[in-house]
Amino acid sequence: LIGTTVVNAANETVGDVNEVVLTKDGKVAAVILGVGGFLGMGEREVAVNFNSIRMNRDQSNNLVLTVNATKENLKDAPAWRWDESQKK
């Protein structure tokens, strides 16, 4: 999943997957998206609940991740920050 482009319902690119957050029992809890940047500059990270992402394949069998959010929604979302309790 890391590096996969994420689009919205209008098929606009809204970000890409930078990290995957797992629960203690190994299930995916959230994905961390890099949003708002251009060529890696000015990007910030936001967490998106894994259950809110749809996974499909396109006609070329490439993985397509879709989230129900606009670019503006994600740019305005709180920035993701690791705290010490999450790193354990």
C-alpha atoms as a PDB file:
ATOM      1  CA  LEU A   1       0.000   0.000   0.000  1.00  0.00           C
ATOM      2  CA  ILE A   2       2.865   2.393   0.727  1.00  0.00           C
ATOM      3  CA  GLY A   3       3.365   4.724  -2.219  1.00  0.00           C
ATOM      4  CA  THR A   4      -0.080   4.049  -3.697  1.00  0.00           C
ATOM      5  CA  THR A   5      -1.886   7.105  -5.037  1.00  0.00           C
ATOM      6  CA  VAL A   6      -5.233   7.901  -3.408  1.00  0.00           C
ATOM      7  CA  VAL A   7      -8.060   9.487  -5.394  1.00  0.00           C
ATOM      8  CA  ASN A   8     -11.493  10.825  -4.438  1.00  0.00           C
ATOM      9  CA  ALA A   9     -14.909  10.068  -5.950  1.00  0.00           C
ATOM     10  CA  ALA A  10     -14.238  12.672  -8.679  1.00  0.00           C
ATOM     11  CA  ASN A  11     -11.059  10.721  -9.584  1.00  0.00           C
ATOM     12  CA  GLU A  12      -8.842  13.623  -8.425  1.00  0.00           C
ATOM     13  CA  THR A  13      -5.557  12.656  -6.822  1.00  0.00           C
ATOM     14  CA  VAL A  14      -5.744  13.686  -3.154  1.00  0.00           C
ATOM     15  CA  GLY A  15      -2.524  12.171  -1.823  1.00  0.00           C
ATOM     16  CA  ASP A  16      -0.441   9.048  -1.503  1.00  0.00           C
ATOM     17  CA  VAL A  17       0.069   6.460   1.205  1.00  0.00           C
ATOM     18  CA  ASN A  18       3.160   7.216   3.316  1.00  0.00           C
ATOM     19  CA  GLU A  19       2.605   4.757   6.182  1.00  0.00           C
ATOM     20  CA  VAL A  20       0.265   2.045   7.415  1.00  0.00           C
ATOM     21  CA  VAL A  21      -0.695   1.983  11.112  1.00  0.00           C
ATOM     22  CA  LEU A  22      -1.397  -1.444  12.608  1.00  0.00           C
ATOM     23  CA  THR A  23      -3.246  -2.357  15.780  1.00  0.00           C
ATOM     24  CA  LYS A  24      -1.533  -4.503  18.397  1.00  0.00           C
ATOM     25  CA  ASP A  25      -3.160  -7.580  16.875  1.00  0.00           C
ATOM     26  CA  GLY A  26      -1.793  -6.767  13.397  1.00  0.00           C
ATOM     27  CA  LYS A  27      -4.908  -5.345  11.737  1.00  0.00           C
ATOM     28  CA  VAL A  28      -4.714  -2.160   9.687  1.00  0.00           C
ATOM     29  CA  ALA A  29      -6.178   0.721  11.701  1.00  0.00           C
ATOM     30  CA  ALA A  30      -5.313   3.700   9.521  1.00  0.00           C
ATOM     31  CA  VAL A  31      -3.237   4.846   6.614  1.00  0.00           C
ATOM     32  CA  ILE A  32      -1.146   7.992   6.733  1.00  0.00           C
ATOM     33  CA  LEU A  33      -1.573  10.044   3.593  1.00  0.00           C
ATOM     34  CA  GLY A  34       0.819  12.652   2.292  1.00  0.00           C
ATOM     35  CA  VAL A  35      -1.369  15.524   1.093  1.00  0.00           C
ATOM     36  CA  GLY A  36      -1.015  19.039  -0.226  1.00  0.00           C
ATOM     37  CA  GLY A  37       2.504  18.770  -1.546  1.00  0.00           C
ATOM     38  CA  PHE A  38       4.039  19.107  -4.955  1.00  0.00           C
ATOM     39  CA  LEU A  39       6.966  16.866  -5.891  1.00  0.00           C
ATOM     40  CA  GLY A  40       7.543  16.114  -2.215  1.00  0.00           C
ATOM     41  CA  MET A  41       7.686  19.762  -1.128  1.00  0.00           C
ATOM     42  CA  GLY A  42       5.168  21.162   1.348  1.00  0.00           C
ATOM     43  CA  GLU A  43       3.529  17.809   1.942  1.00  0.00           C
ATOM     44  CA  ARG A  44       1.896  17.111   5.300  1.00  0.00           C
ATOM     45  CA  GLU A  45       0.586  13.866   6.698  1.00  0.00           C
ATOM     46  CA  VAL A  46      -2.968  13.092   7.797  1.00  0.00           C
ATOM     47  CA  ALA A  47      -4.452   9.866   9.170  1.00  0.00           C
ATOM     48  CA  VAL A  48      -7.397   8.266   7.413  1.00  0.00           C
ATOM     49  CA  ASN A  49      -9.339   5.390   8.940  1.00  0.00           C
ATOM     50  CA  PHE A  50      -8.657   2.264   6.912  1.00  0.00           C
ATOM     51  CA  ASN A  51     -12.373   1.397   6.820  1.00  0.00           C
ATOM     52  CA  SER A  52     -13.057   4.617   4.895  1.00  0.00           C
ATOM     53  CA  ILE A  53     -10.819   3.589   1.984  1.00  0.00           C
ATOM     54  CA  ARG A  54     -12.094   1.528  -0.938  1.00  0.00           C
ATOM     55  CA  MET A  55      -9.615  -0.688  -2.753  1.00  0.00           C
ATOM     56  CA  ASN A  56     -10.159  -1.692  -6.372  1.00  0.00           C
ATOM     57  CA  ARG A  57      -8.159  -2.584  -9.468  1.00  0.00           C
ATOM     58  CA  ASP A  58      -8.203  -0.573 -12.678  1.00  0.00           C
ATOM     59  CA  GLN A  59      -8.266  -2.033 -16.202  1.00  0.00           C
ATOM     60  CA  SER A  60      -4.485  -2.496 -16.062  1.00  0.00           C
ATOM     61  CA  ASN A  61      -4.813  -4.374 -12.750  1.00  0.00           C
ATOM     62  CA  ASN A  62      -3.191  -1.521 -10.799  1.00  0.00           C
ATOM     63  CA  LEU A  63      -4.361  -0.954  -7.230  1.00  0.00           C
ATOM     64  CA  VAL A  64      -6.644   2.079  -6.888  1.00  0.00           C
ATOM     65  CA  LEU A  65      -7.435   3.523  -3.446  1.00  0.00           C
ATOM     66  CA  THR A  66     -10.460   5.814  -3.178  1.00  0.00           C
ATOM     67  CA  VAL A  67     -11.449   7.979  -0.227  1.00  0.00           C
ATOM     68  CA  ASN A  68     -14.614  10.045   0.152  1.00  0.00           C
ATOM     69  CA  ALA A  69     -12.893  13.394   0.763  1.00  0.00           C
ATOM     70  CA  THR A  70     -11.884  16.431  -1.229  1.00  0.00           C
ATOM     71  CA  LYS A  71      -8.364  17.807  -1.445  1.00  0.00           C
ATOM     72  CA  GLU A  72      -9.507  20.685   0.760  1.00  0.00           C
ATOM     73  CA  ASN A  73     -10.947  18.316   3.408  1.00  0.00           C
ATOM     74  CA  LEU A  74      -7.632  16.517   3.674  1.00  0.00           C
ATOM     75  CA  LYS A  75      -5.556  19.717   3.636  1.00  0.00           C
ATOM     76  CA  ASP A  76      -7.682  21.028   6.522  1.00  0.00           C
ATOM     77  CA  ALA A  77      -7.531  17.765   8.512  1.00  0.00           C
ATOM     78  CA  PRO A  78      -5.318  17.692  11.624  1.00  0.00           C
ATOM     79  CA  ALA A  79      -1.727  16.775  10.860  1.00  0.00           C
ATOM     80  CA  TRP A  80      -0.665  13.263  11.878  1.00  0.00           C
ATOM     81  CA  ARG A  81       1.965  13.181  14.621  1.00  0.00           C
ATOM     82  CA  TRP A  82       3.541  10.128  16.219  1.00  0.00           C
ATOM     83  CA  ASP A  83       3.598  10.340  19.997  1.00  0.00           C
ATOM     84  CA  GLU A  84       5.626   8.096  22.263  1.00  0.00           C
ATOM     85  CA  SER A  85       2.644   5.899  23.211  1.00  0.00           C
ATOM     86  CA  GLN A  86       1.999   5.093  19.529  1.00  0.00           C
ATOM     87  CA  LYS A  87       5.594   4.005  18.907  1.00  0.00           C
ATOM     88  CA  LYS A  88       5.460   1.153  21.425  1.00  0.00           C
END
